[in-house]
Full PDB file with SEQRES, HELIX, SHEET, SSBOND, CRYST1, ORIGX, SCALE, CONECT and MASTER records, all heavy atoms in Angstrom:
SEQRES   1 A   41  SER LEU LEU VAL GLY THR SER PHE ALA LYS SER LEU ALA          
SEQRES   2 A   41  TYR GLY LEU ASN ILE PRO LEU ILE ASP VAL ASN HIS MET          
SEQRES   3 A   41  GLN ALA HIS ILE LEU ALA HIS PHE ILE ASP GLU ALA GLY          
SEQRES   4 A   41  PHE ASN                                                      
HELIX    1 AA1 LEU A    2  LEU A   16  1                                  15    
HELIX    2 AA2 HIS A   25  LEU A   31  1                                   7    
HELIX    3 AA3 ALA A   32  PHE A   34  5                                   3    
CRYST1    1.000    1.000    1.000  90.00  90.00  90.00 P 1           1          
ORIGX1      1.000000  0.000000  0.000000        0.00000                         
ORIGX2      0.000000  1.000000  0.000000        0.00000                         
ORIGX3      0.000000  0.000000  1.000000        0.00000                         
SCALE1      1.000000  0.000000  0.000000        0.00000                         
SCALE2      0.000000  1.000000  0.000000        0.00000                         
SCALE3      0.000000  0.000000  1.000000        0.00000                         
ATOM      1  N   SER A   1      12.023  70.694 -87.050  1.00  0.00           N  
ATOM      2  CA  SER A   1      12.808  69.987 -86.039  1.00  0.00           C  
ATOM      3  C   SER A   1      13.255  68.624 -86.542  1.00  0.00           C  
ATOM      4  O   SER A   1      14.408  68.218 -86.364  1.00  0.00           O  
ATOM      5  CB  SER A   1      11.977  69.823 -84.754  1.00  0.00           C  
ATOM      6  OG  SER A   1      11.669  71.075 -84.188  1.00  0.00           O  
ATOM      7  N   LEU A   2      12.336  67.909 -87.192  1.00  0.00           N  
ATOM      8  CA  LEU A   2      12.666  66.590 -87.738  1.00  0.00           C  
ATOM      9  C   LEU A   2      13.758  66.675 -88.794  1.00  0.00           C  
ATOM     10  O   LEU A   2      14.639  65.806 -88.863  1.00  0.00           O  
ATOM     11  CB  LEU A   2      11.415  65.944 -88.347  1.00  0.00           C  
ATOM     12  CG  LEU A   2      10.310  65.519 -87.380  1.00  0.00           C  
ATOM     13  CD1 LEU A   2       9.037  65.183 -88.149  1.00  0.00           C  
ATOM     14  CD2 LEU A   2      10.755  64.318 -86.540  1.00  0.00           C  
ATOM     15  N   LEU A   3      13.711  67.722 -89.617  1.00  0.00           N  
ATOM     16  CA  LEU A   3      14.701  67.868 -90.691  1.00  0.00           C  
ATOM     17  C   LEU A   3      16.115  68.001 -90.135  1.00  0.00           C  
ATOM     18  O   LEU A   3      17.066  67.483 -90.727  1.00  0.00           O  
ATOM     19  CB  LEU A   3      14.358  69.085 -91.555  1.00  0.00           C  
ATOM     20  CG  LEU A   3      13.199  68.900 -92.541  1.00  0.00           C  
ATOM     21  CD1 LEU A   3      12.832  70.235 -93.181  1.00  0.00           C  
ATOM     22  CD2 LEU A   3      13.557  67.877 -93.608  1.00  0.00           C  
ATOM     23  N   VAL A   4      16.255  68.681 -88.998  1.00  0.00           N  
ATOM     24  CA  VAL A   4      17.586  68.846 -88.405  1.00  0.00           C  
ATOM     25  C   VAL A   4      18.150  67.483 -88.000  1.00  0.00           C  
ATOM     26  O   VAL A   4      19.280  67.131 -88.345  1.00  0.00           O  
ATOM     27  CB  VAL A   4      17.541  69.796 -87.189  1.00  0.00           C  
ATOM     28  CG1 VAL A   4      18.916  69.872 -86.529  1.00  0.00           C  
ATOM     29  CG2 VAL A   4      17.087  71.191 -87.608  1.00  0.00           C  
ATOM     30  N   GLY A   5      17.348  66.710 -87.274  1.00  0.00           N  
ATOM     31  CA  GLY A   5      17.814  65.392 -86.835  1.00  0.00           C  
ATOM     32  C   GLY A   5      18.036  64.434 -87.979  1.00  0.00           C  
ATOM     33  O   GLY A   5      19.025  63.684 -88.004  1.00  0.00           O  
ATOM     34  N   THR A   6      17.130  64.454 -88.958  1.00  0.00           N  
ATOM     35  CA  THR A   6      17.245  63.574 -90.123  1.00  0.00           C  
ATOM     36  C   THR A   6      18.512  63.882 -90.926  1.00  0.00           C  
ATOM     37  O   THR A   6      19.273  62.971 -91.285  1.00  0.00           O  
ATOM     38  CB  THR A   6      16.012  63.721 -91.032  1.00  0.00           C  
ATOM     39  OG1 THR A   6      14.835  63.397 -90.292  1.00  0.00           O  
ATOM     40  CG2 THR A   6      16.113  62.811 -92.240  1.00  0.00           C  
ATOM     41  N   SER A   7      18.738  65.152 -91.188  1.00  0.00           N  
ATOM     42  CA  SER A   7      19.914  65.551 -91.973  1.00  0.00           C  
ATOM     43  C   SER A   7      21.211  65.191 -91.268  1.00  0.00           C  
ATOM     44  O   SER A   7      22.159  64.682 -91.894  1.00  0.00           O  
ATOM     45  CB  SER A   7      19.874  67.058 -92.254  1.00  0.00           C  
ATOM     46  OG  SER A   7      18.717  67.407 -92.974  1.00  0.00           O  
ATOM     47  N   PHE A   8      21.248  65.437 -89.961  1.00  0.00           N  
ATOM     48  CA  PHE A   8      22.462  65.117 -89.202  1.00  0.00           C  
ATOM     49  C   PHE A   8      22.727  63.613 -89.210  1.00  0.00           C  
ATOM     50  O   PHE A   8      23.850  63.163 -89.438  1.00  0.00           O  
ATOM     51  CB  PHE A   8      22.338  65.626 -87.764  1.00  0.00           C  
ATOM     52  CG  PHE A   8      23.568  65.356 -86.929  1.00  0.00           C  
ATOM     53  CD1 PHE A   8      24.603  66.283 -86.888  1.00  0.00           C  
ATOM     54  CD2 PHE A   8      23.697  64.190 -86.199  1.00  0.00           C  
ATOM     55  CE1 PHE A   8      25.744  66.041 -86.137  1.00  0.00           C  
ATOM     56  CE2 PHE A   8      24.826  63.933 -85.445  1.00  0.00           C  
ATOM     57  CZ  PHE A   8      25.856  64.868 -85.417  1.00  0.00           C  
ATOM     58  N   ALA A   9      21.680  62.832 -88.942  1.00  0.00           N  
ATOM     59  CA  ALA A   9      21.834  61.371 -88.877  1.00  0.00           C  
ATOM     60  C   ALA A   9      22.285  60.805 -90.219  1.00  0.00           C  
ATOM     61  O   ALA A   9      23.167  59.931 -90.278  1.00  0.00           O  
ATOM     62  CB  ALA A   9      20.510  60.729 -88.452  1.00  0.00           C  
ATOM     63  N   LYS A  10      21.697  61.282 -91.308  1.00  0.00           N  
ATOM     64  CA  LYS A  10      22.076  60.802 -92.638  1.00  0.00           C  
ATOM     65  C   LYS A  10      23.536  61.122 -92.935  1.00  0.00           C  
ATOM     66  O   LYS A  10      24.279  60.273 -93.448  1.00  0.00           O  
ATOM     67  CB  LYS A  10      21.165  61.423 -93.693  1.00  0.00           C  
ATOM     68  CG  LYS A  10      19.738  60.879 -93.667  1.00  0.00           C  
ATOM     69  CD  LYS A  10      18.757  61.723 -94.488  1.00  0.00           C  
ATOM     70  CE  LYS A  10      18.982  61.589 -95.958  1.00  0.00           C  
ATOM     71  NZ  LYS A  10      17.907  62.262 -96.737  1.00  0.00           N  
ATOM     72  N   SER A  11      23.948  62.335 -92.595  1.00  0.00           N  
ATOM     73  CA  SER A  11      25.331  62.751 -92.855  1.00  0.00           C  
ATOM     74  C   SER A  11      26.317  61.930 -92.041  1.00  0.00           C  
ATOM     75  O   SER A  11      27.355  61.489 -92.549  1.00  0.00           O  
ATOM     76  CB  SER A  11      25.498  64.239 -92.527  1.00  0.00           C  
ATOM     77  OG  SER A  11      24.646  65.030 -93.319  1.00  0.00           O  
ATOM     78  N   LEU A  12      25.998  61.719 -90.752  1.00  0.00           N  
ATOM     79  CA  LEU A  12      26.908  60.968 -89.881  1.00  0.00           C  
ATOM     80  C   LEU A  12      27.020  59.514 -90.331  1.00  0.00           C  
ATOM     81  O   LEU A  12      28.125  58.964 -90.413  1.00  0.00           O  
ATOM     82  CB  LEU A  12      26.421  61.042 -88.429  1.00  0.00           C  
ATOM     83  CG  LEU A  12      27.324  60.370 -87.388  1.00  0.00           C  
ATOM     84  CD1 LEU A  12      28.714  61.008 -87.374  1.00  0.00           C  
ATOM     85  CD2 LEU A  12      26.699  60.463 -85.989  1.00  0.00           C  
ATOM     86  N   ALA A  13      25.885  58.890 -90.621  1.00  0.00           N  
ATOM     87  CA  ALA A  13      25.906  57.495 -91.074  1.00  0.00           C  
ATOM     88  C   ALA A  13      26.682  57.359 -92.384  1.00  0.00           C  
ATOM     89  O   ALA A  13      27.468  56.411 -92.564  1.00  0.00           O  
ATOM     90  CB  ALA A  13      24.481  56.975 -91.236  1.00  0.00           C  
ATOM     91  N   TYR A  14      26.473  58.297 -93.278  1.00  0.00           N  
ATOM     92  CA  TYR A  14      27.172  58.270 -94.568  1.00  0.00           C  
ATOM     93  C   TYR A  14      28.672  58.433 -94.367  1.00  0.00           C  
ATOM     94  O   TYR A  14      29.490  57.711 -94.962  1.00  0.00           O  
ATOM     95  CB  TYR A  14      26.636  59.383 -95.474  1.00  0.00           C  
ATOM     96  CG  TYR A  14      27.230  59.382 -96.860  1.00  0.00           C  
ATOM     97  CD1 TYR A  14      26.760  58.517 -97.841  1.00  0.00           C  
ATOM     98  CD2 TYR A  14      28.258  60.260 -97.187  1.00  0.00           C  
ATOM     99  CE1 TYR A  14      27.302  58.517 -99.116  1.00  0.00           C  
ATOM    100  CE2 TYR A  14      28.809  60.270 -98.462  1.00  0.00           C  
ATOM    101  CZ  TYR A  14      28.329  59.396 -99.420  1.00  0.00           C  
ATOM    102  OH  TYR A  14      28.873  59.396-100.687  1.00  0.00           O  
ATOM    103  N   GLY A  15      29.051  59.393 -93.506  1.00  0.00           N  
ATOM    104  CA  GLY A  15      30.467  59.642 -93.261  1.00  0.00           C  
ATOM    105  C   GLY A  15      31.176  58.475 -92.603  1.00  0.00           C  
ATOM    106  O   GLY A  15      32.351  58.216 -92.871  1.00  0.00           O  
ATOM    107  N   LEU A  16      30.460  57.755 -91.738  1.00  0.00           N  
ATOM    108  CA  LEU A  16      31.045  56.609 -91.030  1.00  0.00           C  
ATOM    109  C   LEU A  16      30.858  55.303 -91.805  1.00  0.00           C  
ATOM    110  O   LEU A  16      31.377  54.257 -91.392  1.00  0.00           O  
ATOM    111  CB  LEU A  16      30.410  56.472 -89.642  1.00  0.00           C  
ATOM    112  CG  LEU A  16      30.669  57.610 -88.652  1.00  0.00           C  
ATOM    113  CD1 LEU A  16      29.845  57.416 -87.380  1.00  0.00           C  
ATOM    114  CD2 LEU A  16      32.157  57.705 -88.301  1.00  0.00           C  
ATOM    115  N   ASN A  17      30.063  55.360 -92.896  1.00  0.00           N  
ATOM    116  CA  ASN A  17      29.775  54.173 -93.710  1.00  0.00           C  
ATOM    117  C   ASN A  17      29.130  53.071 -92.878  1.00  0.00           C  
ATOM    118  O   ASN A  17      29.526  51.899 -92.929  1.00  0.00           O  
ATOM    119  CB  ASN A  17      31.046  53.654 -94.395  1.00  0.00           C  
ATOM    120  CG  ASN A  17      30.731  52.658 -95.513  1.00  0.00           C  
ATOM    121  OD1 ASN A  17      29.657  52.724 -96.127  1.00  0.00           O  
ATOM    122  ND2 ASN A  17      31.637  51.725 -95.755  1.00  0.00           N  
ATOM    123  N   ILE A  18      28.129  53.464 -92.086  1.00  0.00           N  
ATOM    124  CA  ILE A  18      27.383  52.506 -91.256  1.00  0.00           C  
ATOM    125  C   ILE A  18      25.891  52.658 -91.555  1.00  0.00           C  
ATOM    126  O   ILE A  18      25.461  53.666 -92.118  1.00  0.00           O  
ATOM    127  CB  ILE A  18      27.643  52.714 -89.744  1.00  0.00           C  
ATOM    128  CG1 ILE A  18      27.282  54.149 -89.328  1.00  0.00           C  
ATOM    129  CG2 ILE A  18      29.091  52.378 -89.392  1.00  0.00           C  
ATOM    130  CD1 ILE A  18      27.443  54.412 -87.822  1.00  0.00           C  
ATOM    131  N   PRO A  19      25.075  51.657 -91.188  1.00  0.00           N  
ATOM    132  CA  PRO A  19      23.644  51.717 -91.502  1.00  0.00           C  
ATOM    133  C   PRO A  19      22.920  52.897 -90.851  1.00  0.00           C  
ATOM    134  O   PRO A  19      23.279  53.350 -89.758  1.00  0.00           O  
ATOM    135  CB  PRO A  19      23.113  50.387 -90.952  1.00  0.00           C  
ATOM    136  CG  PRO A  19      24.291  49.472 -90.943  1.00  0.00           C  
ATOM    137  CD  PRO A  19      25.458  50.353 -90.609  1.00  0.00           C  
ATOM    138  N   LEU A  20      21.876  53.340 -91.532  1.00  0.00           N  
ATOM    139  CA  LEU A  20      20.976  54.391 -91.071  1.00  0.00           C  
ATOM    140  C   LEU A  20      19.642  53.734 -90.746  1.00  0.00           C  
ATOM    141  O   LEU A  20      19.154  52.906 -91.514  1.00  0.00           O  
ATOM    142  CB  LEU A  20      20.810  55.427 -92.183  1.00  0.00           C  
ATOM    143  CG  LEU A  20      19.882  56.618 -91.946  1.00  0.00           C  
ATOM    144  CD1 LEU A  20      20.483  57.563 -90.907  1.00  0.00           C  
ATOM    145  CD2 LEU A  20      19.638  57.361 -93.269  1.00  0.00           C  
ATOM    146  N   ILE A  21      19.057  54.082 -89.592  1.00  0.00           N  
ATOM    147  CA  ILE A  21      17.806  53.445 -89.168  1.00  0.00           C  
ATOM    148  C   ILE A  21      16.779  54.518 -88.833  1.00  0.00           C  
ATOM    149  O   ILE A  21      17.011  55.357 -87.958  1.00  0.00           O  
ATOM    150  CB  ILE A  21      18.028  52.537 -87.933  1.00  0.00           C  
ATOM    151  CG1 ILE A  21      19.056  51.435 -88.259  1.00  0.00           C  
ATOM    152  CG2 ILE A  21      16.710  51.927 -87.466  1.00  0.00           C  
ATOM    153  CD1 ILE A  21      19.477  50.604 -87.059  1.00  0.00           C  
ATOM    154  N   ASP A  22      15.649  54.505 -89.543  1.00  0.00           N  
ATOM    155  CA  ASP A  22      14.590  55.480 -89.257  1.00  0.00           C  
ATOM    156  C   ASP A  22      13.631  54.917 -88.215  1.00  0.00           C  
ATOM    157  O   ASP A  22      13.328  53.723 -88.209  1.00  0.00           O  
ATOM    158  CB  ASP A  22      13.848  55.861 -90.530  1.00  0.00           C  
ATOM    159  CG  ASP A  22      13.119  54.688 -91.164  1.00  0.00           C  
ATOM    160  OD1 ASP A  22      13.761  53.623 -91.341  1.00  0.00           O  
ATOM    161  OD2 ASP A  22      11.925  54.819 -91.461  1.00  0.00           O  
ATOM    162  N   VAL A  23      13.159  55.790 -87.323  1.00  0.00           N  
ATOM    163  CA  VAL A  23      12.344  55.360 -86.186  1.00  0.00           C  
ATOM    164  C   VAL A  23      11.056  56.184 -86.129  1.00  0.00           C  
ATOM    165  O   VAL A  23      11.080  57.403 -86.287  1.00  0.00           O  
ATOM    166  CB  VAL A  23      13.119  55.517 -84.859  1.00  0.00           C  
ATOM    167  CG1 VAL A  23      12.229  55.199 -83.656  1.00  0.00           C  
ATOM    168  CG2 VAL A  23      14.356  54.619 -84.862  1.00  0.00           C  
ATOM    169  N   ASN A  24       9.948  55.492 -85.897  1.00  0.00           N  
ATOM    170  CA  ASN A  24       8.666  56.151 -85.650  1.00  0.00           C  
ATOM    171  C   ASN A  24       8.606  56.547 -84.170  1.00  0.00           C  
ATOM    172  O   ASN A  24       8.713  55.703 -83.282  1.00  0.00           O  
ATOM    173  CB  ASN A  24       7.516  55.193 -86.001  1.00  0.00           C  
ATOM    174  CG  ASN A  24       6.148  55.818 -85.838  1.00  0.00           C  
ATOM    175  OD1 ASN A  24       5.802  56.311 -84.770  1.00  0.00           O  
ATOM    176  ND2 ASN A  24       5.342  55.761 -86.891  1.00  0.00           N  
ATOM    177  N   HIS A  25       8.435  57.830 -83.922  1.00  0.00           N  
ATOM    178  CA  HIS A  25       8.434  58.372 -82.562  1.00  0.00           C  
ATOM    179  C   HIS A  25       7.392  57.692 -81.668  1.00  0.00           C  
ATOM    180  O   HIS A  25       7.653  57.420 -80.490  1.00  0.00           O  
ATOM    181  CB  HIS A  25       8.157  59.882 -82.641  1.00  0.00           C  
ATOM    182  CG  HIS A  25       8.129  60.589 -81.327  1.00  0.00           C  
ATOM    183  ND1 HIS A  25       9.255  61.133 -80.742  1.00  0.00           N  
ATOM    184  CD2 HIS A  25       7.116  60.858 -80.474  1.00  0.00           C  
ATOM    185  CE1 HIS A  25       8.933  61.705 -79.600  1.00  0.00           C  
ATOM    186  NE2 HIS A  25       7.633  61.544 -79.408  1.00  0.00           N  
ATOM    187  N   MET A  26       6.218  57.400 -82.225  1.00  0.00           N  
ATOM    188  CA  MET A  26       5.148  56.795 -81.436  1.00  0.00           C  
ATOM    189  C   MET A  26       5.462  55.331 -81.097  1.00  0.00           C  
ATOM    190  O   MET A  26       5.178  54.861 -79.995  1.00  0.00           O  
ATOM    191  CB  MET A  26       3.813  56.900 -82.185  1.00  0.00           C  
ATOM    192  CG  MET A  26       3.396  58.333 -82.487  1.00  0.00           C  
ATOM    193  SD  MET A  26       3.383  59.386 -81.016  1.00  0.00           S  
ATOM    194  CE  MET A  26       2.091  58.599 -80.048  1.00  0.00           C  
ATOM    195  N   GLN A  27       6.055  54.614 -82.050  1.00  0.00           N  
ATOM    196  CA  GLN A  27       6.507  53.251 -81.748  1.00  0.00           C  
ATOM    197  C   GLN A  27       7.575  53.267 -80.663  1.00  0.00           C  
ATOM    198  O   GLN A  27       7.617  52.393 -79.792  1.00  0.00           O  
ATOM    199  CB  GLN A  27       7.062  52.582 -83.002  1.00  0.00           C  
ATOM    200  CG  GLN A  27       6.016  52.125 -83.991  1.00  0.00           C  
ATOM    201  CD  GLN A  27       6.625  51.309 -85.126  1.00  0.00           C  
ATOM    202  OE1 GLN A  27       7.778  51.510 -85.505  1.00  0.00           O  
ATOM    203  NE2 GLN A  27       5.845  50.397 -85.675  1.00  0.00           N  
ATOM    204  N   ALA A  28       8.429  54.279 -80.707  1.00  0.00           N  
ATOM    205  CA  ALA A  28       9.534  54.370 -79.746  1.00  0.00           C  
ATOM    206  C   ALA A  28       9.024  54.548 -78.323  1.00  0.00           C  
ATOM    207  O   ALA A  28       9.581  53.967 -77.377  1.00  0.00           O  
ATOM    208  CB  ALA A  28      10.468  55.512 -80.129  1.00  0.00           C  
ATOM    209  N   HIS A  29       7.973  55.344 -78.142  1.00  0.00           N  
ATOM    210  CA  HIS A  29       7.388  55.493 -76.801  1.00  0.00           C  
ATOM    211  C   HIS A  29       6.953  54.137 -76.254  1.00  0.00           C  
ATOM    212  O   HIS A  29       7.105  53.849 -75.063  1.00  0.00           O  
ATOM    213  CB  HIS A  29       6.181  56.439 -76.845  1.00  0.00           C  
ATOM    214  CG  HIS A  29       6.529  57.885 -76.664  1.00  0.00           C  
ATOM    215  ND1 HIS A  29       7.237  58.353 -75.559  1.00  0.00           N  
ATOM    216  CD2 HIS A  29       6.261  58.977 -77.422  1.00  0.00           C  
ATOM    217  CE1 HIS A  29       7.376  59.667 -75.663  1.00  0.00           C  
ATOM    218  NE2 HIS A  29       6.815  60.067 -76.779  1.00  0.00           N  
ATOM    219  N   ILE A  30       6.417  53.301 -77.122  1.00  0.00           N  
ATOM    220  CA  ILE A  30       5.948  51.982 -76.700  1.00  0.00           C  
ATOM    221  C   ILE A  30       7.128  51.039 -76.438  1.00  0.00           C  
ATOM    222  O   ILE A  30       7.180  50.336 -75.426  1.00  0.00           O  
ATOM    223  CB  ILE A  30       5.006  51.389 -77.765  1.00  0.00           C  
ATOM    224  CG1 ILE A  30       3.734  52.245 -77.872  1.00  0.00           C  
ATOM    225  CG2 ILE A  30       4.662  49.934 -77.448  1.00  0.00           C  
ATOM    226  CD1 ILE A  30       2.842  51.912 -79.055  1.00  0.00           C  
ATOM    227  N   LEU A  31       8.094  51.042 -77.347  1.00  0.00           N  
ATOM    228  CA  LEU A  31       9.220  50.114 -77.225  1.00  0.00           C  
ATOM    229  C   LEU A  31      10.245  50.539 -76.181  1.00  0.00           C  
ATOM    230  O   LEU A  31      11.169  49.784 -75.873  1.00  0.00           O  
ATOM    231  CB  LEU A  31       9.888  49.922 -78.591  1.00  0.00           C  
ATOM    232  CG  LEU A  31       8.984  49.254 -79.646  1.00  0.00           C  
ATOM    233  CD1 LEU A  31       9.701  49.141 -80.987  1.00  0.00           C  
ATOM    234  CD2 LEU A  31       8.522  47.881 -79.169  1.00  0.00           C  
ATOM    235  N   ALA A  32      10.064  51.719 -75.589  1.00  0.00           N  
ATOM    236  CA  ALA A  32      10.915  52.129 -74.463  1.00  0.00           C  
ATOM    237  C   ALA A  32      10.805  51.138 -73.312  1.00  0.00           C  
ATOM    238  O   ALA A  32      11.712  51.026 -72.478  1.00  0.00           O  
ATOM    239  CB  ALA A  32      10.527  53.526 -73.982  1.00  0.00           C  
ATOM    240  N   HIS A  33       9.701  50.393 -73.271  1.00  0.00           N  
ATOM    241  CA  HIS A  33       9.513  49.381 -72.231  1.00  0.00           C  
ATOM    242  C   HIS A  33      10.522  48.234 -72.341  1.00  0.00           C  
ATOM    243  O   HIS A  33      10.670  47.452 -71.401  1.00  0.00           O  
ATOM    244  CB  HIS A  33       8.096  48.803 -72.325  1.00  0.00           C  
ATOM    245  CG  HIS A  33       7.025  49.740 -71.868  1.00  0.00           C  
ATOM    246  ND1 HIS A  33       6.655  49.876 -70.557  1.00  0.00           N  
ATOM    247  CD2 HIS A  33       6.266  50.618 -72.560  1.00  0.00           C  
ATOM    248  CE1 HIS A  33       5.703  50.780 -70.446  1.00  0.00           C  
ATOM    249  NE2 HIS A  33       5.447  51.253 -71.655  1.00  0.00           N  
ATOM    250  N   PHE A  34      11.208  48.121 -73.488  1.00  0.00           N  
ATOM    251  CA  PHE A  34      12.122  46.998 -73.696  1.00  0.00           C  
ATOM    252  C   PHE A  34      13.588  47.372 -73.484  1.00  0.00           C  
ATOM    253  O   PHE A  34      14.488  46.578 -73.750  1.00  0.00           O  
ATOM    254  CB  PHE A  34      11.887  46.402 -75.084  1.00  0.00           C  
ATOM    255  CG  PHE A  34      10.531  45.774 -75.208  1.00  0.00           C  
ATOM    256  CD1 PHE A  34       9.451  46.512 -75.685  1.00  0.00           C  
ATOM    257  CD2 PHE A  34      10.318  44.473 -74.781  1.00  0.00           C  
ATOM    258  CE1 PHE A  34       8.184  45.954 -75.765  1.00  0.00           C  
ATOM    259  CE2 PHE A  34       9.058  43.904 -74.854  1.00  0.00           C  
ATOM    260  CZ  PHE A  34       7.983  44.639 -75.348  1.00  0.00           C  
ATOM    261  N   ILE A  35      13.825  48.576 -72.972  1.00  0.00           N  
ATOM    262  CA  ILE A  35      15.182  48.949 -72.543  1.00  0.00           C  
ATOM    263  C   ILE A  35      15.547  48.117 -71.319  1.00  0.00           C  
ATOM    264  O   ILE A  35      14.740  47.947 -70.406  1.00  0.00           O  
ATOM    265  CB  ILE A  35      15.246  50.453 -72.200  1.00  0.00           C  
ATOM    266  CG1 ILE A  35      15.010  51.297 -73.462  1.00  0.00           C  
ATOM    267  CG2 ILE A  35      16.574  50.810 -71.555  1.00  0.00           C  
ATOM    268  CD1 ILE A  35      14.846  52.784 -73.185  1.00  0.00           C  
ATOM    269  N   ASP A  36      16.758  47.565 -71.316  1.00  0.00           N  
ATOM    270  CA  ASP A  36      17.217  46.802 -70.155  1.00  0.00           C  
ATOM    271  C   ASP A  36      17.502  47.762 -69.011  1.00  0.00           C  
ATOM    272  O   ASP A  36      18.447  48.560 -69.073  1.00  0.00           O  
ATOM    273  CB  ASP A  36      18.500  46.017 -70.496  1.00  0.00           C  
ATOM    274  CG  ASP A  36      18.222  44.799 -71.356  1.00  0.00           C  
ATOM    275  OD1 ASP A  36      17.059  44.350 -71.377  1.00  0.00           O  
ATOM    276  OD2 ASP A  36      19.150  44.310 -72.016  1.00  0.00           O  
ATOM    277  N   GLU A  37      16.673  47.720 -67.983  1.00  0.00           N  
ATOM    278  CA  GLU A  37      16.816  48.629 -66.853  1.00  0.00           C  
ATOM    279  C   GLU A  37      16.481  47.872 -65.576  1.00  0.00           C  
ATOM    280  O   GLU A  37      15.399  47.289 -65.451  1.00  0.00           O  
ATOM    281  CB  GLU A  37      15.887  49.845 -67.005  1.00  0.00           C  
ATOM    282  CG  GLU A  37      16.066  50.921 -65.974  1.00  0.00           C  
ATOM    283  CD  GLU A  37      17.395  51.660 -66.091  1.00  0.00           C  
ATOM    284  OE1 GLU A  37      17.905  51.787 -67.234  1.00  0.00           O  
ATOM    285  OE2 GLU A  37      17.914  52.111 -65.053  1.00  0.00           O  
ATOM    286  N   ALA A  38      17.407  47.851 -64.633  1.00  0.00           N  
ATOM    287  CA  ALA A  38      17.201  47.126 -63.371  1.00  0.00           C  
ATOM    288  C   ALA A  38      15.952  47.627 -62.656  1.00  0.00           C  
ATOM    289  O   ALA A  38      15.733  48.835 -62.534  1.00  0.00           O  
ATOM    290  CB  ALA A  38      18.421  47.295 -62.468  1.00  0.00           C  
ATOM    291  N   GLY A  39      15.128  46.695 -62.201  1.00  0.00           N  
ATOM    292  CA  GLY A  39      13.936  47.054 -61.457  1.00  0.00           C  
ATOM    293  C   GLY A  39      12.702  47.303 -62.299  1.00  0.00           C  
ATOM    294  O   GLY A  39      11.629  47.595 -61.766  1.00  0.00           O  
ATOM    295  N   PHE A  40      12.842  47.209 -63.642  1.00  0.00           N  
ATOM    296  CA  PHE A  40      11.710  47.445 -64.531  1.00  0.00           C  
ATOM    297  C   PHE A  40      11.465  46.206 -65.384  1.00  0.00           C  
ATOM    298  O   PHE A  40      12.351  45.753 -66.094  1.00  0.00           O  
ATOM    299  CB  PHE A  40      11.969  48.659 -65.426  1.00  0.00           C  
ATOM    300  CG  PHE A  40      11.950  49.970 -64.682  1.00  0.00           C  
ATOM    301  CD1 PHE A  40      13.079  50.402 -63.999  1.00  0.00           C  
ATOM    302  CD2 PHE A  40      10.806  50.753 -64.653  1.00  0.00           C  
ATOM    303  CE1 PHE A  40      13.077  51.603 -63.300  1.00  0.00           C  
ATOM    304  CE2 PHE A  40      10.794  51.954 -63.957  1.00  0.00           C  
ATOM    305  CZ  PHE A  40      11.926  52.383 -63.277  1.00  0.00           C  
ATOM    306  N   ASN A  41      10.250  45.668 -65.275  1.00  0.00           N  
ATOM    307  CA  ASN A  41       9.888  44.490 -66.051  1.00  0.00           C  
ATOM    308  C   ASN A  41       9.429  44.876 -67.451  1.00  0.00           C  
ATOM    309  O   ASN A  41       8.944  45.986 -67.680  1.00  0.00           O  
ATOM    310  CB  ASN A  41       8.771  43.716 -65.342  1.00  0.00           C  
ATOM    311  CG  ASN A  41       9.212  43.164 -64.004  1.00  0.00           C  
ATOM    312  OD1 ASN A  41      10.358  42.730 -63.858  1.00  0.00           O  
ATOM    313  ND2 ASN A  41       8.318  43.182 -63.028  1.00  0.00           N  
TER     314      ASN A  41                                                      
MASTER        0    0    0    3    0    0    0    6  313    1    0    4          
END                                                                             
């Protein structure tokens, strides 16, 4: 499953000539708290 997302992201970033950013899934669960969302501190 990871290979599908990784391959697609690398190809798209390369084709658009923009940065590629790798993310740790477990860190993302934690940092979801920092999404700007009304009513959530």
